Full PDB file with SEQRES, HELIX, SHEET, SSBOND, CRYST1, ORIGX, SCALE, CONECT and MASTER records, all heavy atoms in Angstrom:
SEQRES   1 A   38  THR ALA LEU ALA PRO ALA ASP HIS ILE VAL ASN PRO ASN          
SEQRES   2 A   38  ARG PRO ASP ASP LEU SER GLY LEU SER ASP CYS ALA ALA          
SEQRES   3 A   38  VAL GLY VAL ALA PHE ILE VAL MET VAL GLY LEU MET              
HELIX    1 AA1 ALA A   26  LEU A   37  1                                  12    
CRYST1    1.000    1.000    1.000  90.00  90.00  90.00 P 1           1          
ORIGX1      1.000000  0.000000  0.000000        0.00000                         
ORIGX2      0.000000  1.000000  0.000000        0.00000                         
ORIGX3      0.000000  0.000000  1.000000        0.00000                         
SCALE1      1.000000  0.000000  0.000000        0.00000                         
SCALE2      0.000000  1.000000  0.000000        0.00000                         
SCALE3      0.000000  0.000000  1.000000        0.00000                         
ATOM      1  N   THR A   1      78.211  64.874  69.529  1.00  0.00           N  
ATOM      2  CA  THR A   1      77.356  65.089  70.694  1.00  0.00           C  
ATOM      3  C   THR A   1      77.093  63.779  71.428  1.00  0.00           C  
ATOM      4  O   THR A   1      76.970  63.759  72.650  1.00  0.00           O  
ATOM      5  CB  THR A   1      76.023  65.720  70.261  1.00  0.00           C  
ATOM      6  OG1 THR A   1      75.436  64.918  69.221  1.00  0.00           O  
ATOM      7  CG2 THR A   1      76.261  67.129  69.729  1.00  0.00           C  
ATOM      8  N   ALA A   2      77.006  62.679  70.672  1.00  0.00           N  
ATOM      9  CA  ALA A   2      76.793  61.357  71.276  1.00  0.00           C  
ATOM     10  C   ALA A   2      77.926  60.437  70.833  1.00  0.00           C  
ATOM     11  O   ALA A   2      78.196  60.290  69.634  1.00  0.00           O  
ATOM     12  CB  ALA A   2      75.444  60.782  70.838  1.00  0.00           C  
ATOM     13  N   LEU A   3      78.599  59.825  71.802  1.00  0.00           N  
ATOM     14  CA  LEU A   3      79.737  58.966  71.503  1.00  0.00           C  
ATOM     15  C   LEU A   3      79.288  57.558  71.129  1.00  0.00           C  
ATOM     16  O   LEU A   3      78.336  57.012  71.698  1.00  0.00           O  
ATOM     17  CB  LEU A   3      80.672  58.893  72.703  1.00  0.00           C  
ATOM     18  CG  LEU A   3      81.417  60.183  73.069  1.00  0.00           C  
ATOM     19  CD1 LEU A   3      82.191  59.981  74.368  1.00  0.00           C  
ATOM     20  CD2 LEU A   3      82.358  60.605  71.955  1.00  0.00           C  
ATOM     21  N   ALA A   4      79.989  56.979  70.176  1.00  0.00           N  
ATOM     22  CA  ALA A   4      79.760  55.578  69.819  1.00  0.00           C  
ATOM     23  C   ALA A   4      80.149  54.683  71.000  1.00  0.00           C  
ATOM     24  O   ALA A   4      80.972  55.059  71.834  1.00  0.00           O  
ATOM     25  CB  ALA A   4      80.579  55.216  68.590  1.00  0.00           C  
ATOM     26  N   PRO A   5      79.576  53.468  71.068  1.00  0.00           N  
ATOM     27  CA  PRO A   5      79.863  52.574  72.206  1.00  0.00           C  
ATOM     28  C   PRO A   5      81.184  51.825  72.066  1.00  0.00           C  
ATOM     29  O   PRO A   5      81.255  50.610  72.303  1.00  0.00           O  
ATOM     30  CB  PRO A   5      78.667  51.626  72.185  1.00  0.00           C  
ATOM     31  CG  PRO A   5      78.288  51.531  70.739  1.00  0.00           C  
ATOM     32  CD  PRO A   5      78.522  52.914  70.185  1.00  0.00           C  
ATOM     33  N   ALA A   6      82.236  52.549  71.680  1.00  0.00           N  
ATOM     34  CA  ALA A   6      83.559  51.929  71.542  1.00  0.00           C  
ATOM     35  C   ALA A   6      84.144  51.643  72.919  1.00  0.00           C  
ATOM     36  O   ALA A   6      83.710  52.202  73.929  1.00  0.00           O  
ATOM     37  CB  ALA A   6      84.480  52.849  70.750  1.00  0.00           C  
ATOM     38  N   ASP A   7      85.156  50.804  72.961  1.00  0.00           N  
ATOM     39  CA  ASP A   7      85.800  50.516  74.246  1.00  0.00           C  
ATOM     40  C   ASP A   7      86.490  51.758  74.788  1.00  0.00           C  
ATOM     41  O   ASP A   7      86.353  52.079  75.975  1.00  0.00           O  
ATOM     42  CB  ASP A   7      86.803  49.371  74.056  1.00  0.00           C  
ATOM     43  CG  ASP A   7      86.107  48.056  73.767  1.00  0.00           C  
ATOM     44  OD1 ASP A   7      85.804  47.797  72.585  1.00  0.00           O  
ATOM     45  OD2 ASP A   7      85.848  47.304  74.714  1.00  0.00           O  
ATOM     46  N   HIS A   8      87.234  52.450  73.914  1.00  0.00           N  
ATOM     47  CA  HIS A   8      87.914  53.667  74.339  1.00  0.00           C  
ATOM     48  C   HIS A   8      87.964  54.636  73.165  1.00  0.00           C  
ATOM     49  O   HIS A   8      88.312  54.241  72.047  1.00  0.00           O  
ATOM     50  CB  HIS A   8      89.336  53.366  74.821  1.00  0.00           C  
ATOM     51  CG  HIS A   8      89.400  52.319  75.894  1.00  0.00           C  
ATOM     52  ND1 HIS A   8      88.863  52.500  77.149  1.00  0.00           N  
ATOM     53  CD2 HIS A   8      89.921  51.063  75.883  1.00  0.00           C  
ATOM     54  CE1 HIS A   8      89.046  51.404  77.875  1.00  0.00           C  
ATOM     55  NE2 HIS A   8      89.692  50.515  77.121  1.00  0.00           N  
ATOM     56  N   ILE A   9      87.636  55.890  73.411  1.00  0.00           N  
ATOM     57  CA  ILE A   9      87.644  56.929  72.381  1.00  0.00           C  
ATOM     58  C   ILE A   9      88.526  58.076  72.840  1.00  0.00           C  
ATOM     59  O   ILE A   9      88.276  58.687  73.884  1.00  0.00           O  
ATOM     60  CB  ILE A   9      86.225  57.463  72.086  1.00  0.00           C  
ATOM     61  CG1 ILE A   9      85.332  56.351  71.541  1.00  0.00           C  
ATOM     62  CG2 ILE A   9      86.283  58.629  71.109  1.00  0.00           C  
ATOM     63  CD1 ILE A   9      83.888  56.779  71.301  1.00  0.00           C  
ATOM     64  N   VAL A  10      89.567  58.347  72.065  1.00  0.00           N  
ATOM     65  CA  VAL A  10      90.399  59.526  72.310  1.00  0.00           C  
ATOM     66  C   VAL A  10      90.021  60.572  71.268  1.00  0.00           C  
ATOM     67  O   VAL A  10      90.192  60.356  70.063  1.00  0.00           O  
ATOM     68  CB  VAL A  10      91.902  59.195  72.221  1.00  0.00           C  
ATOM     69  CG1 VAL A  10      92.740  60.463  72.343  1.00  0.00           C  
ATOM     70  CG2 VAL A  10      92.292  58.201  73.309  1.00  0.00           C  
ATOM     71  N   ASN A  11      89.493  61.670  71.733  1.00  0.00           N  
ATOM     72  CA  ASN A  11      89.031  62.735  70.850  1.00  0.00           C  
ATOM     73  C   ASN A  11      89.036  64.036  71.646  1.00  0.00           C  
ATOM     74  O   ASN A  11      88.219  64.207  72.553  1.00  0.00           O  
ATOM     75  CB  ASN A  11      87.626  62.431  70.332  1.00  0.00           C  
ATOM     76  CG  ASN A  11      87.112  63.489  69.358  1.00  0.00           C  
ATOM     77  OD1 ASN A  11      87.641  64.593  69.282  1.00  0.00           O  
ATOM     78  ND2 ASN A  11      86.072  63.159  68.610  1.00  0.00           N  
ATOM     79  N   PRO A  12      89.945  64.959  71.333  1.00  0.00           N  
ATOM     80  CA  PRO A  12      89.993  66.201  72.103  1.00  0.00           C  
ATOM     81  C   PRO A  12      88.753  67.062  71.959  1.00  0.00           C  
ATOM     82  O   PRO A  12      88.585  68.033  72.710  1.00  0.00           O  
ATOM     83  CB  PRO A  12      91.225  66.914  71.530  1.00  0.00           C  
ATOM     84  CG  PRO A  12      91.405  66.341  70.173  1.00  0.00           C  
ATOM     85  CD  PRO A  12      90.953  64.915  70.268  1.00  0.00           C  
ATOM     86  N   ASN A  13      87.858  66.700  71.022  1.00  0.00           N  
ATOM     87  CA  ASN A  13      86.608  67.441  70.858  1.00  0.00           C  
ATOM     88  C   ASN A  13      85.399  66.694  71.424  1.00  0.00           C  
ATOM     89  O   ASN A  13      84.261  67.104  71.182  1.00  0.00           O  
ATOM     90  CB  ASN A  13      86.386  67.752  69.376  1.00  0.00           C  
ATOM     91  CG  ASN A  13      87.250  68.912  68.905  1.00  0.00           C  
ATOM     92  OD1 ASN A  13      87.120  70.026  69.386  1.00  0.00           O  
ATOM     93  ND2 ASN A  13      88.147  68.641  67.975  1.00  0.00           N  
ATOM     94  N   ARG A  14      85.647  65.626  72.173  1.00  0.00           N  
ATOM     95  CA  ARG A  14      84.522  64.991  72.857  1.00  0.00           C  
ATOM     96  C   ARG A  14      84.117  65.893  74.029  1.00  0.00           C  
ATOM     97  O   ARG A  14      84.961  66.617  74.597  1.00  0.00           O  
ATOM     98  CB  ARG A  14      84.849  63.575  73.316  1.00  0.00           C  
ATOM     99  CG  ARG A  14      86.021  63.441  74.238  1.00  0.00           C  
ATOM    100  CD  ARG A  14      86.330  61.993  74.585  1.00  0.00           C  
ATOM    101  NE  ARG A  14      85.402  61.447  75.573  1.00  0.00           N  
ATOM    102  CZ  ARG A  14      85.402  60.187  76.003  1.00  0.00           C  
ATOM    103  NH1 ARG A  14      86.295  59.314  75.491  1.00  0.00           N  
ATOM    104  NH2 ARG A  14      84.549  59.777  76.904  1.00  0.00           N  
ATOM    105  N   PRO A  15      82.865  65.888  74.431  1.00  0.00           N  
ATOM    106  CA  PRO A  15      82.391  66.865  75.416  1.00  0.00           C  
ATOM    107  C   PRO A  15      83.127  66.837  76.747  1.00  0.00           C  
ATOM    108  O   PRO A  15      83.226  67.878  77.414  1.00  0.00           O  
ATOM    109  CB  PRO A  15      80.911  66.484  75.592  1.00  0.00           C  
ATOM    110  CG  PRO A  15      80.534  65.817  74.313  1.00  0.00           C  
ATOM    111  CD  PRO A  15      81.754  65.075  73.872  1.00  0.00           C  
ATOM    112  N   ASP A  16      83.643  65.678  77.162  1.00  0.00           N  
ATOM    113  CA  ASP A  16      84.260  65.588  78.487  1.00  0.00           C  
ATOM    114  C   ASP A  16      85.783  65.663  78.445  1.00  0.00           C  
ATOM    115  O   ASP A  16      86.454  65.353  79.433  1.00  0.00           O  
ATOM    116  CB  ASP A  16      83.838  64.281  79.174  1.00  0.00           C  
ATOM    117  CG  ASP A  16      84.224  63.044  78.377  1.00  0.00           C  
ATOM    118  OD1 ASP A  16      84.550  63.187  77.185  1.00  0.00           O  
ATOM    119  OD2 ASP A  16      84.182  61.944  78.944  1.00  0.00           O  
ATOM    120  N   ASP A  17      86.352  66.088  77.332  1.00  0.00           N  
ATOM    121  CA  ASP A  17      87.815  66.192  77.238  1.00  0.00           C  
ATOM    122  C   ASP A  17      88.248  67.601  77.625  1.00  0.00           C  
ATOM    123  O   ASP A  17      87.720  68.596  77.124  1.00  0.00           O  
ATOM    124  CB  ASP A  17      88.294  65.887  75.818  1.00  0.00           C  
ATOM    125  CG  ASP A  17      89.813  65.839  75.725  1.00  0.00           C  
ATOM    126  OD1 ASP A  17      90.431  66.918  75.586  1.00  0.00           O  
ATOM    127  OD2 ASP A  17      90.374  64.733  75.811  1.00  0.00           O  
ATOM    128  N   LEU A  18      89.229  67.691  78.513  1.00  0.00           N  
ATOM    129  CA  LEU A  18      89.725  68.975  78.998  1.00  0.00           C  
ATOM    130  C   LEU A  18      91.189  69.191  78.643  1.00  0.00           C  
ATOM    131  O   LEU A  18      91.877  70.005  79.273  1.00  0.00           O  
ATOM    132  CB  LEU A  18      89.546  69.052  80.523  1.00  0.00           C  
ATOM    133  CG  LEU A  18      88.118  68.859  81.045  1.00  0.00           C  
ATOM    134  CD1 LEU A  18      88.111  68.869  82.570  1.00  0.00           C  
ATOM    135  CD2 LEU A  18      87.190  69.941  80.491  1.00  0.00           C  
ATOM    136  N   SER A  19      91.677  68.494  77.620  1.00  0.00           N  
ATOM    137  CA  SER A  19      93.095  68.558  77.280  1.00  0.00           C  
ATOM    138  C   SER A  19      93.511  69.891  76.659  1.00  0.00           C  
ATOM    139  O   SER A  19      94.693  70.239  76.665  1.00  0.00           O  
ATOM    140  CB  SER A  19      93.455  67.426  76.314  1.00  0.00           C  
ATOM    141  OG  SER A  19      92.796  67.608  75.062  1.00  0.00           O  
ATOM    142  N   GLY A  20      92.563  70.601  76.077  1.00  0.00           N  
ATOM    143  CA  GLY A  20      92.900  71.830  75.377  1.00  0.00           C  
ATOM    144  C   GLY A  20      93.531  71.596  74.019  1.00  0.00           C  
ATOM    145  O   GLY A  20      94.133  72.505  73.442  1.00  0.00           O  
ATOM    146  N   LEU A  21      93.392  70.387  73.461  1.00  0.00           N  
ATOM    147  CA  LEU A  21      94.021  70.034  72.187  1.00  0.00           C  
ATOM    148  C   LEU A  21      93.002  69.972  71.046  1.00  0.00           C  
ATOM    149  O   LEU A  21      93.208  69.282  70.053  1.00  0.00           O  
ATOM    150  CB  LEU A  21      94.737  68.690  72.318  1.00  0.00           C  
ATOM    151  CG  LEU A  21      95.867  68.658  73.348  1.00  0.00           C  
ATOM    152  CD1 LEU A  21      96.376  67.230  73.547  1.00  0.00           C  
ATOM    153  CD2 LEU A  21      97.006  69.577  72.927  1.00  0.00           C  
ATOM    154  N   SER A  22      91.916  70.719  71.179  1.00  0.00           N  
ATOM    155  CA  SER A  22      90.833  70.624  70.200  1.00  0.00           C  
ATOM    156  C   SER A  22      91.234  71.093  68.811  1.00  0.00           C  
ATOM    157  O   SER A  22      90.555  70.782  67.829  1.00  0.00           O  
ATOM    158  CB  SER A  22      89.625  71.434  70.677  1.00  0.00           C  
ATOM    159  OG  SER A  22      89.982  72.801  70.874  1.00  0.00           O  
ATOM    160  N   ASP A  23      92.323  71.846  68.681  1.00  0.00           N  
ATOM    161  CA  ASP A  23      92.756  72.319  67.371  1.00  0.00           C  
ATOM    162  C   ASP A  23      93.550  71.276  66.585  1.00  0.00           C  
ATOM    163  O   ASP A  23      93.838  71.485  65.404  1.00  0.00           O  
ATOM    164  CB  ASP A  23      93.627  73.572  67.522  1.00  0.00           C  
ATOM    165  CG  ASP A  23      92.811  74.806  67.898  1.00  0.00           C  
ATOM    166  OD1 ASP A  23      91.591  74.793  67.683  1.00  0.00           O  
ATOM    167  OD2 ASP A  23      93.406  75.776  68.406  1.00  0.00           O  
ATOM    168  N   CYS A  24      93.915  70.187  67.200  1.00  0.00           N  
ATOM    169  CA  CYS A  24      94.739  69.187  66.511  1.00  0.00           C  
ATOM    170  C   CYS A  24      93.939  68.443  65.445  1.00  0.00           C  
ATOM    171  O   CYS A  24      92.754  68.127  65.635  1.00  0.00           O  
ATOM    172  CB  CYS A  24      95.292  68.165  67.505  1.00  0.00           C  
ATOM    173  SG  CYS A  24      96.650  68.779  68.530  1.00  0.00           S  
ATOM    174  N   ALA A  25      94.592  68.148  64.337  1.00  0.00           N  
ATOM    175  CA  ALA A  25      94.028  67.214  63.369  1.00  0.00           C  
ATOM    176  C   ALA A  25      94.105  65.811  63.958  1.00  0.00           C  
ATOM    177  O   ALA A  25      94.777  65.575  64.964  1.00  0.00           O  
ATOM    178  CB  ALA A  25      94.807  67.286  62.058  1.00  0.00           C  
ATOM    179  N   ALA A  26      93.434  64.875  63.318  1.00  0.00           N  
ATOM    180  CA  ALA A  26      93.477  63.497  63.820  1.00  0.00           C  
ATOM    181  C   ALA A  26      94.904  62.976  63.849  1.00  0.00           C  
ATOM    182  O   ALA A  26      95.297  62.246  64.766  1.00  0.00           O  
ATOM    183  CB  ALA A  26      92.593  62.597  62.954  1.00  0.00           C  
ATOM    184  N   VAL A  27      95.712  63.367  62.852  1.00  0.00           N  
ATOM    185  CA  VAL A  27      97.090  62.871  62.816  1.00  0.00           C  
ATOM    186  C   VAL A  27      97.897  63.429  63.977  1.00  0.00           C  
ATOM    187  O   VAL A  27      98.782  62.743  64.515  1.00  0.00           O  
ATOM    188  CB  VAL A  27      97.754  63.203  61.463  1.00  0.00           C  
ATOM    189  CG1 VAL A  27      97.972  64.705  61.296  1.00  0.00           C  
ATOM    190  CG2 VAL A  27      99.059  62.450  61.311  1.00  0.00           C  
ATOM    191  N   GLY A  28      97.607  64.647  64.403  1.00  0.00           N  
ATOM    192  CA  GLY A  28      98.279  65.194  65.574  1.00  0.00           C  
ATOM    193  C   GLY A  28      97.895  64.444  66.832  1.00  0.00           C  
ATOM    194  O   GLY A  28      98.746  64.142  67.678  1.00  0.00           O  
ATOM    195  N   VAL A  29      96.604  64.136  66.957  1.00  0.00           N  
ATOM    196  CA  VAL A  29      96.142  63.349  68.101  1.00  0.00           C  
ATOM    197  C   VAL A  29      96.774  61.962  68.067  1.00  0.00           C  
ATOM    198  O   VAL A  29      97.233  61.445  69.094  1.00  0.00           O  
ATOM    199  CB  VAL A  29      94.600  63.246  68.096  1.00  0.00           C  
ATOM    200  CG1 VAL A  29      94.115  62.447  69.307  1.00  0.00           C  
ATOM    201  CG2 VAL A  29      93.967  64.633  68.099  1.00  0.00           C  
ATOM    202  N   ALA A  30      96.822  61.364  66.882  1.00  0.00           N  
ATOM    203  CA  ALA A  30      97.409  60.022  66.754  1.00  0.00           C  
ATOM    204  C   ALA A  30      98.873  60.032  67.172  1.00  0.00           C  
ATOM    205  O   ALA A  30      99.349  59.103  67.845  1.00  0.00           O  
ATOM    206  CB  ALA A  30      97.271  59.525  65.316  1.00  0.00           C  
ATOM    207  N   PHE A  31      99.601  61.066  66.788  1.00  0.00           N  
ATOM    208  CA  PHE A  31     101.013  61.145  67.163  1.00  0.00           C  
ATOM    209  C   PHE A  31     101.162  61.228  68.678  1.00  0.00           C  
ATOM    210  O   PHE A  31     102.012  60.539  69.268  1.00  0.00           O  
ATOM    211  CB  PHE A  31     101.657  62.367  66.496  1.00  0.00           C  
ATOM    212  CG  PHE A  31     103.109  62.543  66.838  1.00  0.00           C  
ATOM    213  CD1 PHE A  31     104.083  61.792  66.198  1.00  0.00           C  
ATOM    214  CD2 PHE A  31     103.505  63.450  67.810  1.00  0.00           C  
ATOM    215  CE1 PHE A  31     105.428  61.947  66.510  1.00  0.00           C  
ATOM    216  CE2 PHE A  31     104.843  63.619  68.131  1.00  0.00           C  
ATOM    217  CZ  PHE A  31     105.810  62.861  67.483  1.00  0.00           C  
ATOM    218  N   ILE A  32     100.340  62.042  69.315  1.00  0.00           N  
ATOM    219  CA  ILE A  32     100.407  62.173  70.774  1.00  0.00           C  
ATOM    220  C   ILE A  32     100.086  60.835  71.441  1.00  0.00           C  
ATOM    221  O   ILE A  32     100.752  60.421  72.399  1.00  0.00           O  
ATOM    222  CB  ILE A  32      99.436  63.274  71.248  1.00  0.00           C  
ATOM    223  CG1 ILE A  32      99.884  64.644  70.702  1.00  0.00           C  
ATOM    224  CG2 ILE A  32      99.359  63.322  72.778  1.00  0.00           C  
ATOM    225  CD1 ILE A  32      98.859  65.735  70.874  1.00  0.00           C  
ATOM    226  N   VAL A  33      99.071  60.138  70.926  1.00  0.00           N  
ATOM    227  CA  VAL A  33      98.712  58.831  71.491  1.00  0.00           C  
ATOM    228  C   VAL A  33      99.852  57.836  71.292  1.00  0.00           C  
ATOM    229  O   VAL A  33     100.159  57.030  72.186  1.00  0.00           O  
ATOM    230  CB  VAL A  33      97.405  58.313  70.859  1.00  0.00           C  
ATOM    231  CG1 VAL A  33      97.105  56.887  71.338  1.00  0.00           C  
ATOM    232  CG2 VAL A  33      96.236  59.231  71.218  1.00  0.00           C  
ATOM    233  N   MET A  34     100.507  57.877  70.137  1.00  0.00           N  
ATOM    234  CA  MET A  34     101.622  56.955  69.895  1.00  0.00           C  
ATOM    235  C   MET A  34     102.802  57.246  70.822  1.00  0.00           C  
ATOM    236  O   MET A  34     103.520  56.326  71.235  1.00  0.00           O  
ATOM    237  CB  MET A  34     102.062  57.025  68.439  1.00  0.00           C  
ATOM    238  CG  MET A  34     101.049  56.452  67.443  1.00  0.00           C  
ATOM    239  SD  MET A  34     100.616  54.704  67.747  1.00  0.00           S  
ATOM    240  CE  MET A  34      99.055  54.885  68.641  1.00  0.00           C  
ATOM    241  N   VAL A  35     103.004  58.511  71.164  1.00  0.00           N  
ATOM    242  CA  VAL A  35     104.016  58.840  72.179  1.00  0.00           C  
ATOM    243  C   VAL A  35     103.642  58.169  73.495  1.00  0.00           C  
ATOM    244  O   VAL A  35     104.491  57.606  74.198  1.00  0.00           O  
ATOM    245  CB  VAL A  35     104.140  60.365  72.345  1.00  0.00           C  
ATOM    246  CG1 VAL A  35     105.001  60.720  73.563  1.00  0.00           C  
ATOM    247  CG2 VAL A  35     104.742  60.993  71.087  1.00  0.00           C  
ATOM    248  N   GLY A  36     102.354  58.197  73.814  1.00  0.00           N  
ATOM    249  CA  GLY A  36     101.888  57.514  75.020  1.00  0.00           C  
ATOM    250  C   GLY A  36     102.068  56.010  74.939  1.00  0.00           C  
ATOM    251  O   GLY A  36     102.408  55.356  75.933  1.00  0.00           O  
ATOM    252  N   LEU A  37     101.860  55.444  73.738  1.00  0.00           N  
ATOM    253  CA  LEU A  37     102.048  53.998  73.569  1.00  0.00           C  
ATOM    254  C   LEU A  37     103.508  53.619  73.790  1.00  0.00           C  
ATOM    255  O   LEU A  37     103.801  52.613  74.470  1.00  0.00           O  
ATOM    256  CB  LEU A  37     101.589  53.574  72.179  1.00  0.00           C  
ATOM    257  CG  LEU A  37     101.830  52.101  71.827  1.00  0.00           C  
ATOM    258  CD1 LEU A  37     101.022  51.176  72.735  1.00  0.00           C  
ATOM    259  CD2 LEU A  37     101.489  51.837  70.350  1.00  0.00           C  
ATOM    260  N   MET A  38     104.417  54.378  73.220  1.00  0.00           N  
ATOM    261  CA  MET A  38     105.834  54.066  73.401  1.00  0.00           C  
ATOM    262  C   MET A  38     106.235  54.186  74.869  1.00  0.00           C  
ATOM    263  O   MET A  38     107.040  53.390  75.382  1.00  0.00           O  
ATOM    264  CB  MET A  38     106.687  55.000  72.530  1.00  0.00           C  
ATOM    265  CG  MET A  38     106.447  54.823  71.038  1.00  0.00           C  
ATOM    266  SD  MET A  38     106.870  53.165  70.425  1.00  0.00           S  
ATOM    267  CE  MET A  38     108.624  53.380  70.109  1.00  0.00           C  
TER     268      MET A  38                                                      
MASTER        0    0    0    1    0    0    0    6  267    1    0    3          
END                                                                             
C-alpha cells in the first residue's frame, strides 16, 4: 500500500502499475526487466 523510498521500483502489484502482469512471480518480473536491460 505504501512504497519504500527506493530510486525505482518495478512491481506489477504496485497501485499505479497498469501492465496487467500482477500474476507473475518475482522471477517472471525479473526476466521481463532483464529483457528490457538487454
